[in-house]
Amino acid sequence: MREPYDVIVRPVITEKSTAQVEARNVYTFIVRKDANKHEIARAVEKTWDVKVLDVRTMVYRGKAKRSILGRIHRSWALGRRPGFKKALVQLAEGDRIEFYEVG
């Protein structure tokens, strides 16, 4: 069994994820690609001492990107953004996770 800090890579704090927290008590995390729903739920419960009701996962493939090398040469180089796995974790009513202090 892995440690909770090995499963959760980082939280996602965007405008959309903050709206989900306020509306449905759903928190968004970037997790390891090989982590399953049971490991994610156990890691969130152990790290923040909350009760997890539901876990939904999504795997995103890395996008191909072009970049310009040099100003004059203008040769196109192909590269890729890394892929990642995202987890939406719904907590029980009354449980909260504080990522940062406001004010």
PDB file of N, CA and C in Angstrom:
ATOM      1  N   MET A   1       0.847  -1.185   0.000  1.00  0.00           N
ATOM      2  CA  MET A   1       0.000   0.000   0.000  1.00  0.00           C
ATOM      3  C   MET A   1       0.889   1.244   0.000  1.00  0.00           C
ATOM      4  N   ARG A   2       0.548   2.176  -0.846  1.00  0.00           N
ATOM      5  CA  ARG A   2       1.346   3.391  -0.968  1.00  0.00           C
ATOM      6  C   ARG A   2       0.976   4.416   0.091  1.00  0.00           C
ATOM      7  N   GLU A   3       1.897   5.314   0.336  1.00  0.00           N
ATOM      8  CA  GLU A   3       1.642   6.425   1.251  1.00  0.00           C
ATOM      9  C   GLU A   3       0.714   7.431   0.568  1.00  0.00           C
ATOM     10  N   PRO A   4      -0.098   8.164   1.352  1.00  0.00           N
ATOM     11  CA  PRO A   4      -1.023   9.138   0.744  1.00  0.00           C
ATOM     12  C   PRO A   4      -0.329  10.216  -0.078  1.00  0.00           C
ATOM     13  N   TYR A   5       0.873  10.612   0.339  1.00  0.00           N
ATOM     14  CA  TYR A   5       1.577  11.663  -0.388  1.00  0.00           C
ATOM     15  C   TYR A   5       2.165  11.146  -1.693  1.00  0.00           C
ATOM     16  N   ASP A   6       2.224   9.824  -1.880  1.00  0.00           N
ATOM     17  CA  ASP A   6       2.664   9.258  -3.147  1.00  0.00           C
ATOM     18  C   ASP A   6       1.526   9.182  -4.157  1.00  0.00           C
ATOM     19  N   VAL A   7       0.273   9.159  -3.683  1.00  0.00           N
ATOM     20  CA  VAL A   7      -0.893   9.031  -4.556  1.00  0.00           C
ATOM     21  C   VAL A   7      -1.318  10.394  -5.085  1.00  0.00           C
ATOM     22  N   ILE A   8      -1.449  11.381  -4.209  1.00  0.00           N
ATOM     23  CA  ILE A   8      -1.910  12.721  -4.585  1.00  0.00           C
ATOM     24  C   ILE A   8      -0.706  13.564  -4.992  1.00  0.00           C
ATOM     25  N   VAL A   9      -0.736  14.073  -6.224  1.00  0.00           N
ATOM     26  CA  VAL A   9       0.370  14.901  -6.714  1.00  0.00           C
ATOM     27  C   VAL A   9       0.166  16.350  -6.282  1.00  0.00           C
ATOM     28  N   ARG A  10      -1.018  16.903  -6.581  1.00  0.00           N
ATOM     29  CA  ARG A  10      -1.303  18.286  -6.180  1.00  0.00           C
ATOM     30  C   ARG A  10      -2.789  18.561  -6.332  1.00  0.00           C
ATOM     31  N   PRO A  11      -3.307  19.528  -5.601  1.00  0.00           N
ATOM     32  CA  PRO A  11      -4.701  19.933  -5.806  1.00  0.00           C
ATOM     33  C   PRO A  11      -4.812  20.859  -7.012  1.00  0.00           C
ATOM     34  N   VAL A  12      -5.986  20.893  -7.604  1.00  0.00           N
ATOM     35  CA  VAL A  12      -6.268  21.789  -8.728  1.00  0.00           C
ATOM     36  C   VAL A  12      -7.126  22.924  -8.182  1.00  0.00           C
ATOM     37  N   ILE A  13      -6.597  24.137  -8.230  1.00  0.00           N
ATOM     38  CA  ILE A  13      -7.325  25.293  -7.724  1.00  0.00           C
ATOM     39  C   ILE A  13      -7.562  26.236  -8.894  1.00  0.00           C
ATOM     40  N   THR A  14      -8.740  26.108  -9.498  1.00  0.00           N
ATOM     41  CA  THR A  14      -9.139  26.960 -10.608  1.00  0.00           C
ATOM     42  C   THR A  14     -10.512  27.536 -10.281  1.00  0.00           C
ATOM     43  N   GLU A  15     -10.988  28.378 -11.162  1.00  0.00           N
ATOM     44  CA  GLU A  15     -12.300  28.978 -10.964  1.00  0.00           C
ATOM     45  C   GLU A  15     -13.398  27.903 -10.997  1.00  0.00           C
ATOM     46  N   LYS A  16     -13.276  26.972 -11.915  1.00  0.00           N
ATOM     47  CA  LYS A  16     -14.274  25.907 -12.038  1.00  0.00           C
ATOM     48  C   LYS A  16     -14.235  24.959 -10.831  1.00  0.00           C
ATOM     49  N   SER A  17     -13.044  24.583 -10.383  1.00  0.00           N
ATOM     50  CA  SER A  17     -12.964  23.669  -9.242  1.00  0.00           C
ATOM     51  C   SER A  17     -13.435  24.341  -7.956  1.00  0.00           C
ATOM     52  N   THR A  18     -13.217  25.627  -7.814  1.00  0.00           N
ATOM     53  CA  THR A  18     -13.709  26.353  -6.640  1.00  0.00           C
ATOM     54  C   THR A  18     -15.233  26.421  -6.656  1.00  0.00           C
ATOM     55  N   ALA A  19     -15.829  26.577  -7.833  1.00  0.00           N
ATOM     56  CA  ALA A  19     -17.291  26.577  -7.939  1.00  0.00           C
ATOM     57  C   ALA A  19     -17.860  25.205  -7.569  1.00  0.00           C
ATOM     58  N   GLN A  20     -17.161  24.121  -7.938  1.00  0.00           N
ATOM     59  CA  GLN A  20     -17.616  22.781  -7.577  1.00  0.00           C
ATOM     60  C   GLN A  20     -17.543  22.551  -6.075  1.00  0.00           C
ATOM     61  N   VAL A  21     -16.545  23.119  -5.425  1.00  0.00           N
ATOM     62  CA  VAL A  21     -16.436  22.997  -3.972  1.00  0.00           C
ATOM     63  C   VAL A  21     -17.621  23.672  -3.313  1.00  0.00           C
ATOM     64  N   GLU A  22     -17.968  24.860  -3.766  1.00  0.00           N
ATOM     65  CA  GLU A  22     -19.072  25.601  -3.162  1.00  0.00           C
ATOM     66  C   GLU A  22     -20.423  24.964  -3.459  1.00  0.00           C
ATOM     67  N   ALA A  23     -20.595  24.433  -4.660  1.00  0.00           N
ATOM     68  CA  ALA A  23     -21.909  23.896  -5.054  1.00  0.00           C
ATOM     69  C   ALA A  23     -22.144  22.471  -4.548  1.00  0.00           C
ATOM     70  N   ARG A  24     -21.138  21.579  -4.716  1.00  0.00           N
ATOM     71  CA  ARG A  24     -21.381  20.166  -4.441  1.00  0.00           C
ATOM     72  C   ARG A  24     -20.386  19.537  -3.485  1.00  0.00           C
ATOM     73  N   ASN A  25     -19.472  20.315  -2.908  1.00  0.00           N
ATOM     74  CA  ASN A  25     -18.442  19.814  -1.991  1.00  0.00           C
ATOM     75  C   ASN A  25     -17.547  18.789  -2.693  1.00  0.00           C
ATOM     76  N   VAL A  26     -17.143  19.113  -3.934  1.00  0.00           N
ATOM     77  CA  VAL A  26     -16.286  18.249  -4.737  1.00  0.00           C
ATOM     78  C   VAL A  26     -14.931  18.932  -4.911  1.00  0.00           C
ATOM     79  N   TYR A  27     -13.865  18.209  -4.558  1.00  0.00           N
ATOM     80  CA  TYR A  27     -12.506  18.724  -4.660  1.00  0.00           C
ATOM     81  C   TYR A  27     -11.784  18.010  -5.797  1.00  0.00           C
ATOM     82  N   THR A  28     -10.878  18.728  -6.483  1.00  0.00           N
ATOM     83  CA  THR A  28     -10.184  18.209  -7.643  1.00  0.00           C
ATOM     84  C   THR A  28      -8.698  18.069  -7.341  1.00  0.00           C
ATOM     85  N   PHE A  29      -8.122  16.923  -7.721  1.00  0.00           N
ATOM     86  CA  PHE A  29      -6.708  16.638  -7.494  1.00  0.00           C
ATOM     87  C   PHE A  29      -6.094  16.050  -8.754  1.00  0.00           C
ATOM     88  N   ILE A  30      -4.795  16.336  -8.960  1.00  0.00           N
ATOM     89  CA  ILE A  30      -3.995  15.609  -9.930  1.00  0.00           C
ATOM     90  C   ILE A  30      -3.378  14.458  -9.150  1.00  0.00           C
ATOM     91  N   VAL A  31      -3.545  13.235  -9.657  1.00  0.00           N
ATOM     92  CA  VAL A  31      -3.063  12.046  -8.957  1.00  0.00           C
ATOM     93  C   VAL A  31      -2.146  11.252  -9.882  1.00  0.00           C
ATOM     94  N   ARG A  32      -1.472  10.254  -9.312  1.00  0.00           N
ATOM     95  CA  ARG A  32      -0.619   9.381 -10.126  1.00  0.00           C
ATOM     96  C   ARG A  32      -1.461   8.610 -11.125  1.00  0.00           C
ATOM     97  N   LYS A  33      -0.884   8.329 -12.284  1.00  0.00           N
ATOM     98  CA  LYS A  33      -1.638   7.649 -13.335  1.00  0.00           C
ATOM     99  C   LYS A  33      -2.031   6.227 -12.956  1.00  0.00           C
ATOM    100  N   ASP A  34      -1.257   5.574 -12.116  1.00  0.00           N
ATOM    101  CA  ASP A  34      -1.556   4.194 -11.769  1.00  0.00           C
ATOM    102  C   ASP A  34      -2.367   4.064 -10.477  1.00  0.00           C
ATOM    103  N   ALA A  35      -2.827   5.179  -9.912  1.00  0.00           N
ATOM    104  CA  ALA A  35      -3.631   5.138  -8.685  1.00  0.00           C
ATOM    105  C   ALA A  35      -5.080   4.791  -9.039  1.00  0.00           C
ATOM    106  N   ASN A  36      -5.696   3.940  -8.211  1.00  0.00           N
ATOM    107  CA  ASN A  36      -7.099   3.612  -8.452  1.00  0.00           C
ATOM    108  C   ASN A  36      -7.980   4.401  -7.476  1.00  0.00           C
ATOM    109  N   LYS A  37      -9.299   4.256  -7.613  1.00  0.00           N
ATOM    110  CA  LYS A  37     -10.238   5.058  -6.829  1.00  0.00           C
ATOM    111  C   LYS A  37     -10.142   4.769  -5.335  1.00  0.00           C
ATOM    112  N   HIS A  38      -9.902   3.514  -4.980  1.00  0.00           N
ATOM    113  CA  HIS A  38      -9.788   3.154  -3.565  1.00  0.00           C
ATOM    114  C   HIS A  38      -8.560   3.805  -2.924  1.00  0.00           C
ATOM    115  N   GLU A  39      -7.438   3.805  -3.638  1.00  0.00           N
ATOM    116  CA  GLU A  39      -6.224   4.443  -3.120  1.00  0.00           C
ATOM    117  C   GLU A  39      -6.401   5.948  -2.993  1.00  0.00           C
ATOM    118  N   ILE A  40      -7.073   6.564  -3.954  1.00  0.00           N
ATOM    119  CA  ILE A  40      -7.295   8.011  -3.903  1.00  0.00           C
ATOM    120  C   ILE A  40      -8.175   8.371  -2.715  1.00  0.00           C
ATOM    121  N   ALA A  41      -9.271   7.617  -2.526  1.00  0.00           N
ATOM    122  CA  ALA A  41     -10.172   7.891  -1.395  1.00  0.00           C
ATOM    123  C   ALA A  41      -9.453   7.709  -0.069  1.00  0.00           C
ATOM    124  N   ARG A  42      -8.673   6.643   0.058  1.00  0.00           N
ATOM    125  CA  ARG A  42      -7.932   6.387   1.294  1.00  0.00           C
ATOM    126  C   ARG A  42      -6.906   7.482   1.561  1.00  0.00           C
ATOM    127  N   ALA A  43      -6.234   7.969   0.507  1.00  0.00           N
ATOM    128  CA  ALA A  43      -5.222   9.010   0.668  1.00  0.00           C
ATOM    129  C   ALA A  43      -5.847  10.326   1.122  1.00  0.00           C
ATOM    130  N   VAL A  44      -6.996  10.703   0.538  1.00  0.00           N
ATOM    131  CA  VAL A  44      -7.660  11.952   0.930  1.00  0.00           C
ATOM    132  C   VAL A  44      -8.182  11.841   2.365  1.00  0.00           C
ATOM    133  N   GLU A  45      -8.783  10.707   2.717  1.00  0.00           N
ATOM    134  CA  GLU A  45      -9.298  10.529   4.074  1.00  0.00           C
ATOM    135  C   GLU A  45      -8.189  10.571   5.111  1.00  0.00           C
ATOM    136  N   LYS A  46      -7.053   9.944   4.811  1.00  0.00           N
ATOM    137  CA  LYS A  46      -5.949   9.904   5.769  1.00  0.00           C
ATOM    138  C   LYS A  46      -5.231  11.247   5.889  1.00  0.00           C
ATOM    139  N   THR A  47      -5.085  11.951   4.775  1.00  0.00           N
ATOM    140  CA  THR A  47      -4.343  13.216   4.783  1.00  0.00           C
ATOM    141  C   THR A  47      -5.122  14.334   5.480  1.00  0.00           C
ATOM    142  N   TRP A  48      -6.420  14.469   5.170  1.00  0.00           N
ATOM    143  CA  TRP A  48      -7.198  15.597   5.691  1.00  0.00           C
ATOM    144  C   TRP A  48      -8.241  15.212   6.733  1.00  0.00           C
ATOM    145  N   ASP A  49      -8.332  13.945   7.111  1.00  0.00           N
ATOM    146  CA  ASP A  49      -9.267  13.474   8.133  1.00  0.00           C
ATOM    147  C   ASP A  49     -10.710  13.849   7.792  1.00  0.00           C
ATOM    148  N   VAL A  50     -11.147  13.445   6.600  1.00  0.00           N
ATOM    149  CA  VAL A  50     -12.500  13.701   6.110  1.00  0.00           C
ATOM    150  C   VAL A  50     -13.107  12.377   5.648  1.00  0.00           C
ATOM    151  N   LYS A  51     -14.398  12.384   5.345  1.00  0.00           N
ATOM    152  CA  LYS A  51     -15.108  11.202   4.846  1.00  0.00           C
ATOM    153  C   LYS A  51     -15.390  11.393   3.358  1.00  0.00           C
ATOM    154  N   VAL A  52     -14.890  10.475   2.523  1.00  0.00           N
ATOM    155  CA  VAL A  52     -15.063  10.538   1.076  1.00  0.00           C
ATOM    156  C   VAL A  52     -16.295   9.725   0.682  1.00  0.00           C
ATOM    157  N   LEU A  53     -17.197  10.351  -0.086  1.00  0.00           N
ATOM    158  CA  LEU A  53     -18.394   9.665  -0.566  1.00  0.00           C
ATOM    159  C   LEU A  53     -18.213   9.080  -1.959  1.00  0.00           C
ATOM    160  N   ASP A  54     -17.533   9.802  -2.858  1.00  0.00           N
ATOM    161  CA  ASP A  54     -17.440   9.383  -4.249  1.00  0.00           C
ATOM    162  C   ASP A  54     -16.128   9.865  -4.854  1.00  0.00           C
ATOM    163  N   VAL A  55     -15.568   9.059  -5.753  1.00  0.00           N
ATOM    164  CA  VAL A  55     -14.354   9.428  -6.479  1.00  0.00           C
ATOM    165  C   VAL A  55     -14.602   9.169  -7.957  1.00  0.00           C
ATOM    166  N   ARG A  56     -14.350  10.177  -8.769  1.00  0.00           N
ATOM    167  CA  ARG A  56     -14.434  10.046 -10.232  1.00  0.00           C
ATOM    168  C   ARG A  56     -13.077  10.406 -10.810  1.00  0.00           C
ATOM    169  N   THR A  57     -12.620   9.625 -11.775  1.00  0.00           N
ATOM    170  CA  THR A  57     -11.291   9.849 -12.346  1.00  0.00           C
ATOM    171  C   THR A  57     -11.381  10.074 -13.842  1.00  0.00           C
ATOM    172  N   MET A  58     -10.431  10.845 -14.349  1.00  0.00           N
ATOM    173  CA  MET A  58     -10.307  11.122 -15.780  1.00  0.00           C
ATOM    174  C   MET A  58      -8.837  11.079 -16.158  1.00  0.00           C
ATOM    175  N   VAL A  59      -8.518  10.446 -17.272  1.00  0.00           N
ATOM    176  CA  VAL A  59      -7.149  10.385 -17.758  1.00  0.00           C
ATOM    177  C   VAL A  59      -7.044  11.266 -18.998  1.00  0.00           C
ATOM    178  N   TYR A  60      -6.117  12.214 -18.968  1.00  0.00           N
ATOM    179  CA  TYR A  60      -5.894  13.128 -20.077  1.00  0.00           C
ATOM    180  C   TYR A  60      -4.584  12.760 -20.776  1.00  0.00           C
ATOM    181  N   ARG A  61      -4.647  12.613 -22.095  1.00  0.00           N
ATOM    182  CA  ARG A  61      -3.446  12.363 -22.873  1.00  0.00           C
ATOM    183  C   ARG A  61      -2.719  13.676 -23.114  1.00  0.00           C
ATOM    184  N   GLY A  62      -1.393  13.606 -23.261  1.00  0.00           N
ATOM    185  CA  GLY A  62      -0.615  14.796 -23.547  1.00  0.00           C
ATOM    186  C   GLY A  62      -0.871  15.295 -24.957  1.00  0.00           C
ATOM    187  N   LYS A  63      -0.930  16.596 -25.113  1.00  0.00           N
ATOM    188  CA  LYS A  63      -1.181  17.185 -26.421  1.00  0.00           C
ATOM    189  C   LYS A  63       0.130  17.399 -27.168  1.00  0.00           C
ATOM    190  N   ALA A  64       0.071  17.248 -28.480  1.00  0.00           N
ATOM    191  CA  ALA A  64       1.220  17.560 -29.321  1.00  0.00           C
ATOM    192  C   ALA A  64       1.259  19.069 -29.534  1.00  0.00           C
ATOM    193  N   LYS A  65       2.420  19.645 -29.380  1.00  0.00           N
ATOM    194  CA  LYS A  65       2.586  21.090 -29.520  1.00  0.00           C
ATOM    195  C   LYS A  65       3.743  21.390 -30.453  1.00  0.00           C
ATOM    196  N   ARG A  66       3.636  22.511 -31.156  1.00  0.00           N
ATOM    197  CA  ARG A  66       4.721  22.977 -32.011  1.00  0.00           C
ATOM    198  C   ARG A  66       5.362  24.181 -31.352  1.00  0.00           C
ATOM    199  N   SER A  67       6.656  24.297 -31.486  1.00  0.00           N
ATOM    200  CA  SER A  67       7.342  25.469 -30.959  1.00  0.00           C
ATOM    201  C   SER A  67       8.333  25.971 -32.010  1.00  0.00           C
ATOM    202  N   ILE A  68       8.576  27.252 -31.990  1.00  0.00           N
ATOM    203  CA  ILE A  68       9.493  27.878 -32.945  1.00  0.00           C
ATOM    204  C   ILE A  68      10.869  27.933 -32.303  1.00  0.00           C
ATOM    205  N   LEU A  69      11.863  27.422 -33.007  1.00  0.00           N
ATOM    206  CA  LEU A  69      13.235  27.470 -32.509  1.00  0.00           C
ATOM    207  C   LEU A  69      13.987  28.559 -33.257  1.00  0.00           C
ATOM    208  N   GLY A  70      14.370  29.586 -32.585  1.00  0.00           N
ATOM    209  CA  GLY A  70      15.119  30.666 -33.211  1.00  0.00           C
ATOM    210  C   GLY A  70      14.207  31.646 -33.918  1.00  0.00           C
ATOM    211  N   ARG A  71      14.654  32.872 -34.054  1.00  0.00           N
ATOM    212  CA  ARG A  71      13.832  33.906 -34.688  1.00  0.00           C
ATOM    213  C   ARG A  71      13.962  33.877 -36.204  1.00  0.00           C
ATOM    214  N   ILE A  72      15.138  33.603 -36.701  1.00  0.00           N
ATOM    215  CA  ILE A  72      15.362  33.682 -38.132  1.00  0.00           C
ATOM    216  C   ILE A  72      15.137  32.325 -38.803  1.00  0.00           C
ATOM    217  N   HIS A  73      15.554  31.269 -38.179  1.00  0.00           N
ATOM    218  CA  HIS A  73      15.516  29.948 -38.802  1.00  0.00           C
ATOM    219  C   HIS A  73      14.085  29.438 -38.982  1.00  0.00           C
ATOM    220  N   ARG A  74      13.215  29.666 -38.017  1.00  0.00           N
ATOM    221  CA  ARG A  74      11.796  29.297 -38.088  1.00  0.00           C
ATOM    222  C   ARG A  74      11.560  27.802 -38.354  1.00  0.00           C
ATOM    223  N   SER A  75      12.396  26.969 -37.804  1.00  0.00           N
ATOM    224  CA  SER A  75      12.148  25.536 -37.968  1.00  0.00           C
ATOM    225  C   SER A  75      11.174  25.094 -36.876  1.00  0.00           C
ATOM    226  N   TRP A  76      10.253  24.248 -37.231  1.00  0.00           N
ATOM    227  CA  TRP A  76       9.241  23.795 -36.288  1.00  0.00           C
ATOM    228  C   TRP A  76       9.722  22.532 -35.588  1.00  0.00           C
ATOM    229  N   ALA A  77       9.619  22.544 -34.286  1.00  0.00           N
ATOM    230  CA  ALA A  77       9.983  21.366 -33.508  1.00  0.00           C
ATOM    231  C   ALA A  77       8.713  20.824 -32.854  1.00  0.00           C
ATOM    232  N   LEU A  78       8.519  19.546 -32.943  1.00  0.00           N
ATOM    233  CA  LEU A  78       7.351  18.942 -32.331  1.00  0.00           C
ATOM    234  C   LEU A  78       7.692  18.496 -30.912  1.00  0.00           C
ATOM    235  N   GLY A  79       6.779  18.717 -30.023  1.00  0.00           N
ATOM    236  CA  GLY A  79       6.944  18.296 -28.639  1.00  0.00           C
ATOM    237  C   GLY A  79       5.607  17.843 -28.093  1.00  0.00           C
ATOM    238  N   ARG A  80       5.604  17.372 -26.867  1.00  0.00           N
ATOM    239  CA  ARG A  80       4.375  16.916 -26.229  1.00  0.00           C
ATOM    240  C   ARG A  80       4.293  17.466 -24.822  1.00  0.00           C
ATOM    241  N   ARG A  81       3.075  17.824 -24.457  1.00  0.00           N
ATOM    242  CA  ARG A  81       2.809  18.123 -23.062  1.00  0.00           C
ATOM    243  C   ARG A  81       2.595  16.794 -22.338  1.00  0.00           C
ATOM    244  N   PRO A  82       2.937  16.721 -21.073  1.00  0.00           N
ATOM    245  CA  PRO A  82       2.751  15.452 -20.374  1.00  0.00           C
ATOM    246  C   PRO A  82       1.272  15.159 -20.104  1.00  0.00           C
ATOM    247  N   GLY A  83       0.918  13.891 -20.123  1.00  0.00           N
ATOM    248  CA  GLY A  83      -0.433  13.479 -19.768  1.00  0.00           C
ATOM    249  C   GLY A  83      -0.578  13.441 -18.256  1.00  0.00           C
ATOM    250  N   PHE A  84      -1.821  13.390 -17.767  1.00  0.00           N
ATOM    251  CA  PHE A  84      -2.037  13.344 -16.338  1.00  0.00           C
ATOM    252  C   PHE A  84      -3.384  12.704 -16.033  1.00  0.00           C
ATOM    253  N   LYS A  85      -3.594  12.372 -14.762  1.00  0.00           N
ATOM    254  CA  LYS A  85      -4.846  11.800 -14.301  1.00  0.00           C
ATOM    255  C   LYS A  85      -5.434  12.743 -13.270  1.00  0.00           C
ATOM    256  N   LYS A  86      -6.720  13.033 -13.417  1.00  0.00           N
ATOM    257  CA  LYS A  86      -7.403  13.964 -12.525  1.00  0.00           C
ATOM    258  C   LYS A  86      -8.488  13.205 -11.765  1.00  0.00           C
ATOM    259  N   ALA A  87      -8.655  13.521 -10.487  1.00  0.00           N
ATOM    260  CA  ALA A  87      -9.671  12.870  -9.666  1.00  0.00           C
ATOM    261  C   ALA A  87     -10.588  13.925  -9.060  1.00  0.00           C
ATOM    262  N   LEU A  88     -11.901  13.692  -9.149  1.00  0.00           N
ATOM    263  CA  LEU A  88     -12.900  14.532  -8.495  1.00  0.00           C
ATOM    264  C   LEU A  88     -13.385  13.767  -7.264  1.00  0.00           C
ATOM    265  N   VAL A  89     -13.175  14.333  -6.090  1.00  0.00           N
ATOM    266  CA  VAL A  89     -13.475  13.665  -4.830  1.00  0.00           C
ATOM    267  C   VAL A  89     -14.601  14.407  -4.138  1.00  0.00           C
ATOM    268  N   GLN A  90     -15.724  13.712  -3.899  1.00  0.00           N
ATOM    269  CA  GLN A  90     -16.854  14.315  -3.194  1.00  0.00           C
ATOM    270  C   GLN A  90     -16.779  13.930  -1.727  1.00  0.00           C
ATOM    271  N   LEU A  91     -16.852  14.938  -0.862  1.00  0.00           N
ATOM    272  CA  LEU A  91     -16.776  14.725   0.577  1.00  0.00           C
ATOM    273  C   LEU A  91     -18.161  14.704   1.197  1.00  0.00           C
ATOM    274  N   ALA A  92     -18.228  14.154   2.403  1.00  0.00           N
ATOM    275  CA  ALA A  92     -19.489  14.104   3.134  1.00  0.00           C
ATOM    276  C   ALA A  92     -19.909  15.513   3.542  1.00  0.00           C
ATOM    277  N   GLU A  93     -21.195  15.674   3.793  1.00  0.00           N
ATOM    278  CA  GLU A  93     -21.749  16.973   4.201  1.00  0.00           C
ATOM    279  C   GLU A  93     -21.066  17.441   5.486  1.00  0.00           C
ATOM    280  N   GLY A  94     -20.579  18.662   5.480  1.00  0.00           N
ATOM    281  CA  GLY A  94     -19.937  19.240   6.655  1.00  0.00           C
ATOM    282  C   GLY A  94     -18.422  19.123   6.657  1.00  0.00           C
ATOM    283  N   ASP A  95     -17.831  18.256   5.836  1.00  0.00           N
ATOM    284  CA  ASP A  95     -16.376  18.131   5.751  1.00  0.00           C
ATOM    285  C   ASP A  95     -15.830  19.161   4.766  1.00  0.00           C
ATOM    286  N   ARG A  96     -14.642  19.698   5.093  1.00  0.00           N
ATOM    287  CA  ARG A  96     -13.999  20.697   4.248  1.00  0.00           C
ATOM    288  C   ARG A  96     -12.507  20.440   4.229  1.00  0.00           C
ATOM    289  N   ILE A  97     -11.858  20.872   3.151  1.00  0.00           N
ATOM    290  CA  ILE A  97     -10.408  20.862   3.029  1.00  0.00           C
ATOM    291  C   ILE A  97      -9.960  22.284   2.789  1.00  0.00           C
ATOM    292  N   GLU A  98      -9.043  22.773   3.613  1.00  0.00           N
ATOM    293  CA  GLU A  98      -8.521  24.130   3.462  1.00  0.00           C
ATOM    294  C   GLU A  98      -7.170  24.044   2.748  1.00  0.00           C
ATOM    295  N   PHE A  99      -7.108  24.496   1.499  1.00  0.00           N
ATOM    296  CA  PHE A  99      -5.866  24.500   0.747  1.00  0.00           C
ATOM    297  C   PHE A  99      -5.035  25.738   1.037  1.00  0.00           C
ATOM    298  N   TYR A 100      -5.690  26.856   1.231  1.00  0.00           N
ATOM    299  CA  TYR A 100      -4.983  28.094   1.476  1.00  0.00           C
ATOM    300  C   TYR A 100      -5.853  29.005   2.319  1.00  0.00           C
ATOM    301  N   GLU A 101      -5.211  29.883   3.054  1.00  0.00           N
ATOM    302  CA  GLU A 101      -5.915  30.842   3.898  1.00  0.00           C
ATOM    303  C   GLU A 101      -6.236  32.093   3.098  1.00  0.00           C
ATOM    304  N   VAL A 102      -7.450  32.571   3.185  1.00  0.00           N
ATOM    305  CA  VAL A 102      -7.851  33.787   2.483  1.00  0.00           C
ATOM    306  C   VAL A 102      -7.804  34.941   3.467  1.00  0.00           C
ATOM    307  N   GLY A 103      -7.173  36.046   3.054  1.00  0.00           N
ATOM    308  CA  GLY A 103      -7.148  37.231   3.897  1.00  0.00           C
ATOM    309  C   GLY A 103      -5.882  37.380   4.547  1.00  0.00           C
TER     310      GLY A 103
END
